[in-house]
Amino acid sequence: MVGWGCYLKDFNIDVATWETAESDRPAWRNLIHKGAIHAENKRSNAAKDKRRTRKVRADYLANIAPPPPPTGVQPVEGVSMPVFCLQATIGYTAPPQ
C-alpha cells in the first residue's frame, strides 16, 4: 500500500509541514488545487515526452533503408521451388494452402 507521502509529493506539498498547512482550511484548499494542477501538468508533460520519443523512434525506423535482396540465388533447372520458400519471415506464419 502506498502512503500519503507520495501523493503529497506529487502535489508539491511539503511532507514534514502538511499538518500545519491543513489547519487553515481555505489556504489548504488553495494548496491542494494548485498541487493538483501541478501534478496534472507533470503527468501530461511526461505522456507528451513519451509519445514524442515513440514517434521519433518510429520515424527513424521508417527511414532506415531495407536491406538489399540476397544475391547469388539462381533458379535450378528442373527444380520447381515455391515462392514462399525464398521469402524470409519473422514470427509465425500459416502454411500455404
PDB file of N, CA and C in Angstrom:
ATOM      1  N   MET A   1       0.841  -1.184   0.000  1.00  0.00           N
ATOM      2  CA  MET A   1       0.000   0.000   0.000  1.00  0.00           C
ATOM      3  C   MET A   1       0.884   1.245   0.000  1.00  0.00           C
ATOM      4  N   VAL A   2       0.474   2.229  -0.754  1.00  0.00           N
ATOM      5  CA  VAL A   2       1.236   3.466  -0.875  1.00  0.00           C
ATOM      6  C   VAL A   2       0.742   4.453   0.169  1.00  0.00           C
ATOM      7  N   GLY A   3       1.675   5.124   0.841  1.00  0.00           N
ATOM      8  CA  GLY A   3       1.294   6.096   1.863  1.00  0.00           C
ATOM      9  C   GLY A   3       0.918   7.442   1.258  1.00  0.00           C
ATOM     10  N   TRP A   4       0.439   8.318   2.116  1.00  0.00           N
ATOM     11  CA  TRP A   4       0.017   9.646   1.669  1.00  0.00           C
ATOM     12  C   TRP A   4       1.194  10.501   1.233  1.00  0.00           C
ATOM     13  N   GLY A   5       2.381  10.165   1.688  1.00  0.00           N
ATOM     14  CA  GLY A   5       3.553  10.982   1.389  1.00  0.00           C
ATOM     15  C   GLY A   5       3.811  11.127  -0.100  1.00  0.00           C
ATOM     16  N   CYS A   6       3.612  10.050  -0.864  1.00  0.00           N
ATOM     17  CA  CYS A   6       3.876  10.145  -2.297  1.00  0.00           C
ATOM     18  C   CYS A   6       2.852  11.045  -2.973  1.00  0.00           C
ATOM     19  N   TYR A   7       1.597  11.046  -2.496  1.00  0.00           N
ATOM     20  CA  TYR A   7       0.585  11.919  -3.081  1.00  0.00           C
ATOM     21  C   TYR A   7       0.888  13.380  -2.748  1.00  0.00           C
ATOM     22  N   LEU A   8       1.325  13.627  -1.531  1.00  0.00           N
ATOM     23  CA  LEU A   8       1.686  14.989  -1.168  1.00  0.00           C
ATOM     24  C   LEU A   8       2.871  15.469  -1.989  1.00  0.00           C
ATOM     25  N   LYS A   9       3.822  14.584  -2.236  1.00  0.00           N
ATOM     26  CA  LYS A   9       4.972  14.956  -3.061  1.00  0.00           C
ATOM     27  C   LYS A   9       4.542  15.238  -4.492  1.00  0.00           C
ATOM     28  N   ASP A  10       3.596  14.433  -5.009  1.00  0.00           N
ATOM     29  CA  ASP A  10       3.085  14.687  -6.353  1.00  0.00           C
ATOM     30  C   ASP A  10       2.409  16.054  -6.438  1.00  0.00           C
ATOM     31  N   PHE A  11       1.748  16.448  -5.360  1.00  0.00           N
ATOM     32  CA  PHE A  11       1.053  17.732  -5.330  1.00  0.00           C
ATOM     33  C   PHE A  11       1.978  18.876  -4.913  1.00  0.00           C
ATOM     34  N   ASN A  12       3.274  18.574  -4.759  1.00  0.00           N
ATOM     35  CA  ASN A  12       4.287  19.567  -4.407  1.00  0.00           C
ATOM     36  C   ASN A  12       4.001  20.192  -3.034  1.00  0.00           C
ATOM     37  N   ILE A  13       3.585  19.361  -2.083  1.00  0.00           N
ATOM     38  CA  ILE A  13       3.311  19.797  -0.716  1.00  0.00           C
ATOM     39  C   ILE A  13       4.375  19.188   0.186  1.00  0.00           C
ATOM     40  N   ASP A  14       4.937  20.005   1.062  1.00  0.00           N
ATOM     41  CA  ASP A  14       5.992  19.541   1.958  1.00  0.00           C
ATOM     42  C   ASP A  14       5.426  18.497   2.921  1.00  0.00           C
ATOM     43  N   VAL A  15       6.034  17.326   2.952  1.00  0.00           N
ATOM     44  CA  VAL A  15       5.544  16.213   3.763  1.00  0.00           C
ATOM     45  C   VAL A  15       5.717  16.507   5.253  1.00  0.00           C
ATOM     46  N   ALA A  16       6.739  17.240   5.604  1.00  0.00           N
ATOM     47  CA  ALA A  16       7.021  17.497   7.019  1.00  0.00           C
ATOM     48  C   ALA A  16       6.053  18.516   7.621  1.00  0.00           C
ATOM     49  N   THR A  17       5.530  19.443   6.841  1.00  0.00           N
ATOM     50  CA  THR A  17       4.717  20.526   7.401  1.00  0.00           C
ATOM     51  C   THR A  17       3.282  20.540   6.875  1.00  0.00           C
ATOM     52  N   TRP A  18       2.803  19.450   6.307  1.00  0.00           N
ATOM     53  CA  TRP A  18       1.463  19.472   5.724  1.00  0.00           C
ATOM     54  C   TRP A  18       0.370  19.604   6.774  1.00  0.00           C
ATOM     55  N   GLU A  19       0.619  19.116   7.983  1.00  0.00           N
ATOM     56  CA  GLU A  19      -0.404  19.187   9.028  1.00  0.00           C
ATOM     57  C   GLU A  19      -0.657  20.620   9.474  1.00  0.00           C
ATOM     58  N   THR A  20       0.391  21.437   9.533  1.00  0.00           N
ATOM     59  CA  THR A  20       0.183  22.837   9.906  1.00  0.00           C
ATOM     60  C   THR A  20      -0.508  23.591   8.774  1.00  0.00           C
ATOM     61  N   ALA A  21      -0.193  23.248   7.546  1.00  0.00           N
ATOM     62  CA  ALA A  21      -0.859  23.896   6.414  1.00  0.00           C
ATOM     63  C   ALA A  21      -2.328  23.486   6.350  1.00  0.00           C
ATOM     64  N   GLU A  22      -2.632  22.283   6.801  1.00  0.00           N
ATOM     65  CA  GLU A  22      -4.005  21.771   6.761  1.00  0.00           C
ATOM     66  C   GLU A  22      -4.919  22.492   7.739  1.00  0.00           C
ATOM     67  N   SER A  23      -4.362  23.037   8.789  1.00  0.00           N
ATOM     68  CA  SER A  23      -5.201  23.677   9.813  1.00  0.00           C
ATOM     69  C   SER A  23      -5.919  24.916   9.279  1.00  0.00           C
ATOM     70  N   ASP A  24      -5.350  25.604   8.305  1.00  0.00           N
ATOM     71  CA  ASP A  24      -6.011  26.757   7.687  1.00  0.00           C
ATOM     72  C   ASP A  24      -6.761  26.254   6.453  1.00  0.00           C
ATOM     73  N   ARG A  25      -8.061  26.029   6.606  1.00  0.00           N
ATOM     74  CA  ARG A  25      -8.867  25.355   5.572  1.00  0.00           C
ATOM     75  C   ARG A  25      -8.823  26.048   4.203  1.00  0.00           C
ATOM     76  N   PRO A  26      -9.047  27.364   4.087  1.00  0.00           N
ATOM     77  CA  PRO A  26      -9.004  27.993   2.750  1.00  0.00           C
ATOM     78  C   PRO A  26      -7.619  27.908   2.098  1.00  0.00           C
ATOM     79  N   ALA A  27      -6.586  28.103   2.902  1.00  0.00           N
ATOM     80  CA  ALA A  27      -5.228  28.009   2.351  1.00  0.00           C
ATOM     81  C   ALA A  27      -4.931  26.576   1.926  1.00  0.00           C
ATOM     82  N   TRP A  28      -5.413  25.593   2.708  1.00  0.00           N
ATOM     83  CA  TRP A  28      -5.198  24.184   2.373  1.00  0.00           C
ATOM     84  C   TRP A  28      -5.895  23.828   1.061  1.00  0.00           C
ATOM     85  N   ARG A  29      -7.132  24.288   0.888  1.00  0.00           N
ATOM     86  CA  ARG A  29      -7.859  24.019  -0.359  1.00  0.00           C
ATOM     87  C   ARG A  29      -7.133  24.646  -1.551  1.00  0.00           C
ATOM     88  N   ASN A  30      -6.627  25.853  -1.363  1.00  0.00           N
ATOM     89  CA  ASN A  30      -5.871  26.520  -2.427  1.00  0.00           C
ATOM     90  C   ASN A  30      -4.593  25.732  -2.738  1.00  0.00           C
ATOM     91  N   LEU A  31      -3.926  25.241  -1.705  1.00  0.00           N
ATOM     92  CA  LEU A  31      -2.706  24.463  -1.874  1.00  0.00           C
ATOM     93  C   LEU A  31      -2.996  23.157  -2.620  1.00  0.00           C
ATOM     94  N   ILE A  32      -4.098  22.497  -2.270  1.00  0.00           N
ATOM     95  CA  ILE A  32      -4.482  21.255  -2.944  1.00  0.00           C
ATOM     96  C   ILE A  32      -4.832  21.536  -4.407  1.00  0.00           C
ATOM     97  N   HIS A  33      -5.572  22.613  -4.651  1.00  0.00           N
ATOM     98  CA  HIS A  33      -5.965  22.958  -6.018  1.00  0.00           C
ATOM     99  C   HIS A  33      -4.732  23.217  -6.892  1.00  0.00           C
ATOM    100  N   LYS A  34      -3.812  24.033  -6.392  1.00  0.00           N
ATOM    101  CA  LYS A  34      -2.588  24.318  -7.157  1.00  0.00           C
ATOM    102  C   LYS A  34      -1.742  23.055  -7.318  1.00  0.00           C
ATOM    103  N   GLY A  35      -1.702  22.222  -6.276  1.00  0.00           N
ATOM    104  CA  GLY A  35      -0.947  20.969  -6.354  1.00  0.00           C
ATOM    105  C   GLY A  35      -1.524  20.024  -7.393  1.00  0.00           C
ATOM    106  N   ALA A  36      -2.857  19.978  -7.484  1.00  0.00           N
ATOM    107  CA  ALA A  36      -3.492  19.121  -8.484  1.00  0.00           C
ATOM    108  C   ALA A  36      -3.156  19.600  -9.895  1.00  0.00           C
ATOM    109  N   ILE A  37      -3.169  20.899 -10.096  1.00  0.00           N
ATOM    110  CA  ILE A  37      -2.794  21.450 -11.409  1.00  0.00           C
ATOM    111  C   ILE A  37      -1.347  21.102 -11.722  1.00  0.00           C
ATOM    112  N   HIS A  38      -0.467  21.242 -10.738  1.00  0.00           N
ATOM    113  CA  HIS A  38       0.950  20.920 -10.925  1.00  0.00           C
ATOM    114  C   HIS A  38       1.134  19.438 -11.268  1.00  0.00           C
ATOM    115  N   ALA A  39       0.450  18.560 -10.528  1.00  0.00           N
ATOM    116  CA  ALA A  39       0.583  17.116 -10.767  1.00  0.00           C
ATOM    117  C   ALA A  39       0.044  16.743 -12.142  1.00  0.00           C
ATOM    118  N   GLU A  40      -1.067  17.339 -12.551  1.00  0.00           N
ATOM    119  CA  GLU A  40      -1.646  17.041 -13.860  1.00  0.00           C
ATOM    120  C   GLU A  40      -0.738  17.522 -14.990  1.00  0.00           C
ATOM    121  N   ASN A  41      -0.159  18.705 -14.831  1.00  0.00           N
ATOM    122  CA  ASN A  41       0.789  19.203 -15.845  1.00  0.00           C
ATOM    123  C   ASN A  41       2.011  18.311 -15.936  1.00  0.00           C
ATOM    124  N   LYS A  42       2.492  17.862 -14.797  1.00  0.00           N
ATOM    125  CA  LYS A  42       3.653  16.977 -14.772  1.00  0.00           C
ATOM    126  C   LYS A  42       3.342  15.654 -15.466  1.00  0.00           C
ATOM    127  N   ARG A  43       2.160  15.076 -15.180  1.00  0.00           N
ATOM    128  CA  ARG A  43       1.744  13.825 -15.807  1.00  0.00           C
ATOM    129  C   ARG A  43       1.547  14.006 -17.308  1.00  0.00           C
ATOM    130  N   SER A  44       0.933  15.117 -17.691  1.00  0.00           N
ATOM    131  CA  SER A  44       0.675  15.392 -19.107  1.00  0.00           C
ATOM    132  C   SER A  44       1.985  15.574 -19.871  1.00  0.00           C
ATOM    133  N   ASN A  45       2.917  16.309 -19.300  1.00  0.00           N
ATOM    134  CA  ASN A  45       4.213  16.522 -19.961  1.00  0.00           C
ATOM    135  C   ASN A  45       4.991  15.219 -20.088  1.00  0.00           C
ATOM    136  N   ALA A  46       4.899  14.356 -19.081  1.00  0.00           N
ATOM    137  CA  ALA A  46       5.578  13.063 -19.160  1.00  0.00           C
ATOM    138  C   ALA A  46       4.979  12.217 -20.280  1.00  0.00           C
ATOM    139  N   ALA A  47       3.648  12.249 -20.425  1.00  0.00           N
ATOM    140  CA  ALA A  47       2.995  11.495 -21.501  1.00  0.00           C
ATOM    141  C   ALA A  47       3.371  12.059 -22.867  1.00  0.00           C
ATOM    142  N   LYS A  48       3.443  13.386 -22.971  1.00  0.00           N
ATOM    143  CA  LYS A  48       3.837  14.014 -24.242  1.00  0.00           C
ATOM    144  C   LYS A  48       5.269  13.625 -24.610  1.00  0.00           C
ATOM    145  N   ASP A  49       6.166  13.625 -23.625  1.00  0.00           N
ATOM    146  CA  ASP A  49       7.551  13.229 -23.894  1.00  0.00           C
ATOM    147  C   ASP A  49       7.631  11.779 -24.343  1.00  0.00           C
ATOM    148  N   LYS A  50       6.829  10.925 -23.713  1.00  0.00           N
ATOM    149  CA  LYS A  50       6.814   9.515 -24.087  1.00  0.00           C
ATOM    150  C   LYS A  50       6.327   9.335 -25.523  1.00  0.00           C
ATOM    151  N   ARG A  51       5.250  10.043 -25.883  1.00  0.00           N
ATOM    152  CA  ARG A  51       4.725   9.959 -27.249  1.00  0.00           C
ATOM    153  C   ARG A  51       5.727  10.496 -28.255  1.00  0.00           C
ATOM    154  N   ARG A  52       6.378  11.627 -27.906  1.00  0.00           N
ATOM    155  CA  ARG A  52       7.364  12.227 -28.800  1.00  0.00           C
ATOM    156  C   ARG A  52       8.527  11.271 -29.034  1.00  0.00           C
ATOM    157  N   THR A  53       8.994  10.631 -27.980  1.00  0.00           N
ATOM    158  CA  THR A  53      10.093   9.669 -28.101  1.00  0.00           C
ATOM    159  C   THR A  53       9.685   8.490 -28.965  1.00  0.00           C
ATOM    160  N   ARG A  54       8.468   7.995 -28.757  1.00  0.00           N
ATOM    161  CA  ARG A  54       7.980   6.865 -29.540  1.00  0.00           C
ATOM    162  C   ARG A  54       7.836   7.246 -31.012  1.00  0.00           C
ATOM    163  N   LYS A  55       7.370   8.476 -31.270  1.00  0.00           N
ATOM    164  CA  LYS A  55       7.182   8.925 -32.648  1.00  0.00           C
ATOM    165  C   LYS A  55       8.530   9.121 -33.346  1.00  0.00           C
ATOM    166  N   VAL A  56       9.493   9.702 -32.659  1.00  0.00           N
ATOM    167  CA  VAL A  56      10.826   9.895 -33.243  1.00  0.00           C
ATOM    168  C   VAL A  56      11.443   8.546 -33.571  1.00  0.00           C
ATOM    169  N   ARG A  57      11.275   7.590 -32.689  1.00  0.00           N
ATOM    170  CA  ARG A  57      11.830   6.260 -32.930  1.00  0.00           C
ATOM    171  C   ARG A  57      11.147   5.597 -34.131  1.00  0.00           C
ATOM    172  N   ALA A  58       9.822   5.738 -34.229  1.00  0.00           N
ATOM    173  CA  ALA A  58       9.098   5.153 -35.356  1.00  0.00           C
ATOM    174  C   ALA A  58       9.517   5.813 -36.666  1.00  0.00           C
ATOM    175  N   ASP A  59       9.703   7.138 -36.649  1.00  0.00           N
ATOM    176  CA  ASP A  59      10.159   7.839 -37.858  1.00  0.00           C
ATOM    177  C   ASP A  59      11.550   7.384 -38.251  1.00  0.00           C
ATOM    178  N   TYR A  60      12.408   7.197 -37.252  1.00  0.00           N
ATOM    179  CA  TYR A  60      13.769   6.744 -37.526  1.00  0.00           C
ATOM    180  C   TYR A  60      13.750   5.354 -38.160  1.00  0.00           C
ATOM    181  N   LEU A  61      12.957   4.463 -37.585  1.00  0.00           N
ATOM    182  CA  LEU A  61      12.894   3.106 -38.120  1.00  0.00           C
ATOM    183  C   LEU A  61      12.256   3.072 -39.505  1.00  0.00           C
ATOM    184  N   ALA A  62      11.328   3.987 -39.779  1.00  0.00           N
ATOM    185  CA  ALA A  62      10.682   4.026 -41.092  1.00  0.00           C
ATOM    186  C   ALA A  62      11.634   4.535 -42.165  1.00  0.00           C
ATOM    187  N   ASN A  63      12.606   5.356 -41.768  1.00  0.00           N
ATOM    188  CA  ASN A  63      13.526   5.946 -42.747  1.00  0.00           C
ATOM    189  C   ASN A  63      14.755   5.084 -43.012  1.00  0.00           C
ATOM    190  N   ILE A  64      14.926   4.024 -42.258  1.00  0.00           N
ATOM    191  CA  ILE A  64      16.059   3.140 -42.499  1.00  0.00           C
ATOM    192  C   ILE A  64      15.770   2.349 -43.768  1.00  0.00           C
ATOM    193  N   ALA A  65      16.740   2.324 -44.660  1.00  0.00           N
ATOM    194  CA  ALA A  65      16.565   1.607 -45.924  1.00  0.00           C
ATOM    195  C   ALA A  65      16.535   0.099 -45.646  1.00  0.00           C
ATOM    196  N   PRO A  66      15.614  -0.607 -46.297  1.00  0.00           N
ATOM    197  CA  PRO A  66      15.579  -2.053 -46.094  1.00  0.00           C
ATOM    198  C   PRO A  66      16.825  -2.700 -46.695  1.00  0.00           C
ATOM    199  N   PRO A  67      17.220  -3.834 -46.171  1.00  0.00           N
ATOM    200  CA  PRO A  67      18.418  -4.487 -46.704  1.00  0.00           C
ATOM    201  C   PRO A  67      18.171  -4.935 -48.155  1.00  0.00           C
ATOM    202  N   PRO A  68      19.225  -4.941 -48.957  1.00  0.00           N
ATOM    203  CA  PRO A  68      19.054  -5.358 -50.348  1.00  0.00           C
ATOM    204  C   PRO A  68      18.695  -6.839 -50.423  1.00  0.00           C
ATOM    205  N   PRO A  69      17.999  -7.241 -51.478  1.00  0.00           N
ATOM    206  CA  PRO A  69      17.657  -8.658 -51.598  1.00  0.00           C
ATOM    207  C   PRO A  69      18.916  -9.496 -51.760  1.00  0.00           C
ATOM    208  N   PRO A  70      18.871 -10.732 -51.331  1.00  0.00           N
ATOM    209  CA  PRO A  70      20.069 -11.563 -51.427  1.00  0.00           C
ATOM    210  C   PRO A  70      20.442 -11.813 -52.887  1.00  0.00           C
ATOM    211  N   THR A  71      21.733 -11.804 -53.134  1.00  0.00           N
ATOM    212  CA  THR A  71      22.217 -12.089 -54.486  1.00  0.00           C
ATOM    213  C   THR A  71      22.800 -13.486 -54.506  1.00  0.00           C
ATOM    214  N   GLY A  72      22.904 -14.032 -55.654  1.00  0.00           N
ATOM    215  CA  GLY A  72      23.501 -15.347 -55.777  1.00  0.00           C
ATOM    216  C   GLY A  72      22.493 -16.471 -55.731  1.00  0.00           C
ATOM    217  N   VAL A  73      21.211 -16.171 -55.577  1.00  0.00           N
ATOM    218  CA  VAL A  73      20.197 -17.217 -55.596  1.00  0.00           C
ATOM    219  C   VAL A  73      19.779 -17.398 -57.048  1.00  0.00           C
ATOM    220  N   GLN A  74      20.183 -18.482 -57.605  1.00  0.00           N
ATOM    221  CA  GLN A  74      19.891 -18.769 -59.010  1.00  0.00           C
ATOM    222  C   GLN A  74      18.901 -19.925 -59.089  1.00  0.00           C
ATOM    223  N   PRO A  75      17.900 -19.834 -59.980  1.00  0.00           N
ATOM    224  CA  PRO A  75      16.987 -20.962 -60.140  1.00  0.00           C
ATOM    225  C   PRO A  75      17.716 -22.153 -60.732  1.00  0.00           C
ATOM    226  N   VAL A  76      17.340 -23.321 -60.282  1.00  0.00           N
ATOM    227  CA  VAL A  76      17.957 -24.560 -60.751  1.00  0.00           C
ATOM    228  C   VAL A  76      17.049 -25.164 -61.809  1.00  0.00           C
ATOM    229  N   GLU A  77      17.646 -25.598 -62.909  1.00  0.00           N
ATOM    230  CA  GLU A  77      16.871 -26.210 -63.989  1.00  0.00           C
ATOM    231  C   GLU A  77      16.179 -27.468 -63.495  1.00  0.00           C
ATOM    232  N   GLY A  78      14.905 -27.598 -63.802  1.00  0.00           N
ATOM    233  CA  GLY A  78      14.164 -28.796 -63.481  1.00  0.00           C
ATOM    234  C   GLY A  78      13.644 -28.855 -62.053  1.00  0.00           C
ATOM    235  N   VAL A  79      14.005 -27.900 -61.199  1.00  0.00           N
ATOM    236  CA  VAL A  79      13.522 -27.902 -59.817  1.00  0.00           C
ATOM    237  C   VAL A  79      12.554 -26.739 -59.659  1.00  0.00           C
ATOM    238  N   SER A  80      11.320 -27.093 -59.362  1.00  0.00           N
ATOM    239  CA  SER A  80      10.353 -26.013 -59.140  1.00  0.00           C
ATOM    240  C   SER A  80      10.320 -25.714 -57.647  1.00  0.00           C
ATOM    241  N   MET A  81      10.694 -24.519 -57.311  1.00  0.00           N
ATOM    242  CA  MET A  81      10.749 -24.114 -55.914  1.00  0.00           C
ATOM    243  C   MET A  81       9.627 -23.116 -55.675  1.00  0.00           C
ATOM    244  N   PRO A  82       8.744 -23.382 -54.741  1.00  0.00           N
ATOM    245  CA  PRO A  82       7.668 -22.418 -54.498  1.00  0.00           C
ATOM    246  C   PRO A  82       8.220 -21.083 -53.993  1.00  0.00           C
ATOM    247  N   VAL A  83       7.504 -20.013 -54.287  1.00  0.00           N
ATOM    248  CA  VAL A  83       7.964 -18.667 -53.952  1.00  0.00           C
ATOM    249  C   VAL A  83       8.085 -18.488 -52.447  1.00  0.00           C
ATOM    250  N   PHE A  84       7.193 -19.093 -51.674  1.00  0.00           N
ATOM    251  CA  PHE A  84       7.230 -18.861 -50.230  1.00  0.00           C
ATOM    252  C   PHE A  84       8.503 -19.394 -49.591  1.00  0.00           C
ATOM    253  N   CYS A  85       9.234 -20.280 -50.245  1.00  0.00           N
ATOM    254  CA  CYS A  85      10.481 -20.793 -49.687  1.00  0.00           C
ATOM    255  C   CYS A  85      11.599 -19.760 -49.757  1.00  0.00           C
ATOM    256  N   LEU A  86      11.473 -18.793 -50.631  1.00  0.00           N
ATOM    257  CA  LEU A  86      12.529 -17.805 -50.816  1.00  0.00           C
ATOM    258  C   LEU A  86      12.314 -16.559 -49.969  1.00  0.00           C
ATOM    259  N   GLN A  87      11.168 -16.439 -49.341  1.00  0.00           N
ATOM    260  CA  GLN A  87      10.880 -15.245 -48.561  1.00  0.00           C
ATOM    261  C   GLN A  87      11.242 -15.485 -47.103  1.00  0.00           C
ATOM    262  N   ALA A  88      11.969 -14.552 -46.525  1.00  0.00           N
ATOM    263  CA  ALA A  88      12.315 -14.645 -45.110  1.00  0.00           C
ATOM    264  C   ALA A  88      11.217 -13.969 -44.309  1.00  0.00           C
ATOM    265  N   THR A  89      10.666 -14.677 -43.349  1.00  0.00           N
ATOM    266  CA  THR A  89       9.636 -14.105 -42.497  1.00  0.00           C
ATOM    267  C   THR A  89      10.070 -14.215 -41.051  1.00  0.00           C
ATOM    268  N   ILE A  90       9.588 -13.295 -40.267  1.00  0.00           N
ATOM    269  CA  ILE A  90       9.898 -13.295 -38.841  1.00  0.00           C
ATOM    270  C   ILE A  90       8.595 -13.562 -38.112  1.00  0.00           C
ATOM    271  N   GLY A  91       8.605 -14.520 -37.241  1.00  0.00           N
ATOM    272  CA  GLY A  91       7.408 -14.849 -36.488  1.00  0.00           C
ATOM    273  C   GLY A  91       6.650 -15.985 -37.112  1.00  0.00           C
ATOM    274  N   TYR A  92       5.502 -16.291 -36.544  1.00  0.00           N
ATOM    275  CA  TYR A  92       4.706 -17.419 -37.013  1.00  0.00           C
ATOM    276  C   TYR A  92       3.912 -17.040 -38.252  1.00  0.00           C
ATOM    277  N   THR A  93       3.952 -17.871 -39.255  1.00  0.00           N
ATOM    278  CA  THR A  93       3.112 -17.686 -40.430  1.00  0.00           C
ATOM    279  C   THR A  93       2.390 -18.992 -40.705  1.00  0.00           C
ATOM    280  N   ALA A  94       1.197 -18.887 -41.207  1.00  0.00           N
ATOM    281  CA  ALA A  94       0.418 -20.076 -41.506  1.00  0.00           C
ATOM    282  C   ALA A  94       0.979 -20.745 -42.748  1.00  0.00           C
ATOM    283  N   PRO A  95       0.940 -22.043 -42.823  1.00  0.00           N
ATOM    284  CA  PRO A  95       1.439 -22.727 -44.015  1.00  0.00           C
ATOM    285  C   PRO A  95       0.563 -22.394 -45.225  1.00  0.00           C
ATOM    286  N   PRO A  96       1.153 -22.366 -46.412  1.00  0.00           N
ATOM    287  CA  PRO A  96       0.378 -22.025 -47.595  1.00  0.00           C
ATOM    288  C   PRO A  96      -0.689 -23.102 -47.867  1.00  0.00           C
ATOM    289  N   GLN A  97      -1.811 -22.684 -48.330  1.00  0.00           N
ATOM    290  CA  GLN A  97      -2.922 -23.601 -48.603  1.00  0.00           C
ATOM    291  C   GLN A  97      -2.929 -24.031 -50.046  1.00  0.00           C
TER     292      GLN A  97
END
